Amino acid sequence: MRERILEILQDQRPDIDFENETELVSGGLLESFDIVSIVSELDDEFDIEITPKELKAENFDSLDALTKLIESLSEE
């Protein structure tokens, strides 16, 4: 799952080192349009729904945080 999330992120923004960055949103690397595109891809790929309550910087600031979010939504 983590590798597929990484592929989606790299497809959207190949200029960002998603493996090492820990402040993707709070550091200004990802903007709102990026997040909308990423959420759409993740929703489709993993058959989940990321709701507005999950749209917090802490859930999108790193690959690990995003992986945890997707894993928790997949279990519901």
Protein backbone atom coordinates (compact mmCIF):
# COMPACT_ATOMS: atom_id res chain seq x y z
CA MET A 1 0.00 0.00 0.00
CA ARG A 2 2.77 2.45 0.93
CA GLU A 3 4.51 1.93 -2.41
CA ARG A 4 1.30 2.58 -4.35
CA ILE A 5 0.66 5.76 -2.35
CA LEU A 6 4.21 6.86 -3.13
CA GLU A 7 3.62 6.24 -6.85
CA ILE A 8 0.46 8.37 -6.77
CA LEU A 9 2.27 11.18 -4.98
CA GLN A 10 5.21 11.06 -7.39
CA ASP A 11 2.86 11.11 -10.37
CA GLN A 12 1.27 14.29 -9.04
CA ARG A 13 4.48 16.04 -7.94
CA PRO A 14 7.67 14.36 -9.22
CA ASP A 15 9.71 17.31 -7.93
CA ILE A 16 9.14 16.43 -4.24
CA ASP A 17 11.11 13.86 -2.22
CA PHE A 18 8.13 12.17 -0.59
CA GLU A 19 10.30 9.53 1.08
CA ASN A 20 12.07 12.11 3.25
CA GLU A 21 9.87 15.20 3.55
CA THR A 22 7.92 15.53 6.79
CA GLU A 23 6.26 18.91 6.24
CA LEU A 24 4.58 18.51 2.87
CA VAL A 25 1.61 20.73 3.72
CA SER A 26 2.85 22.76 6.68
CA GLY A 27 6.07 23.46 4.78
CA GLY A 28 4.15 24.66 1.73
CA LEU A 29 5.34 21.93 -0.65
CA LEU A 30 1.80 20.73 -1.38
CA GLU A 31 -0.87 23.28 -2.21
CA SER A 32 -4.64 22.88 -2.13
CA PHE A 33 -4.88 21.88 -5.80
CA ASP A 34 -2.25 19.17 -5.23
CA ILE A 35 -4.20 17.82 -2.27
CA VAL A 36 -7.49 17.75 -4.19
CA SER A 37 -5.82 15.78 -7.00
CA ILE A 38 -4.10 13.40 -4.59
CA VAL A 39 -7.31 12.80 -2.61
CA SER A 40 -9.19 12.00 -5.80
CA GLU A 41 -6.54 9.50 -6.89
CA LEU A 42 -6.38 7.86 -3.46
CA ASP A 43 -10.17 7.62 -3.19
CA ASP A 44 -10.33 5.85 -6.55
CA GLU A 45 -7.30 3.62 -6.04
CA PHE A 46 -8.19 2.34 -2.57
CA ASP A 47 -12.00 2.57 -2.79
CA ILE A 48 -12.19 4.90 0.20
CA GLU A 49 -13.60 8.35 0.89
CA ILE A 50 -11.35 10.96 2.45
CA THR A 51 -13.81 13.36 4.07
CA PRO A 52 -13.28 17.01 4.99
CA LYS A 53 -12.61 16.06 8.63
CA GLU A 54 -9.54 14.10 7.47
CA LEU A 55 -8.20 17.01 5.42
CA LYS A 56 -5.72 18.14 8.06
CA ALA A 57 -2.08 19.04 7.51
CA GLU A 58 -1.02 16.33 9.97
CA ASN A 59 -2.59 13.65 7.72
CA PHE A 60 -0.81 14.91 4.61
CA ASP A 61 2.54 16.14 5.94
CA SER A 62 4.41 12.91 5.20
CA LEU A 63 4.17 9.66 3.30
CA ASP A 64 3.94 7.79 6.60
CA ALA A 65 1.08 9.96 7.88
CA LEU A 66 -0.81 9.55 4.63
CA THR A 67 -0.25 5.79 4.67
CA LYS A 68 -1.67 5.59 8.21
CA LEU A 69 -4.72 7.58 7.13
CA ILE A 70 -5.37 5.32 4.13
CA GLU A 71 -4.87 2.19 6.23
CA SER A 72 -7.36 3.40 8.85
CA LEU A 73 -9.94 4.33 6.21
CA SER A 74 -9.48 0.99 4.46
CA GLU A 75 -10.34 -0.84 7.68
CA GLU A 76 -13.67 0.95 8.10
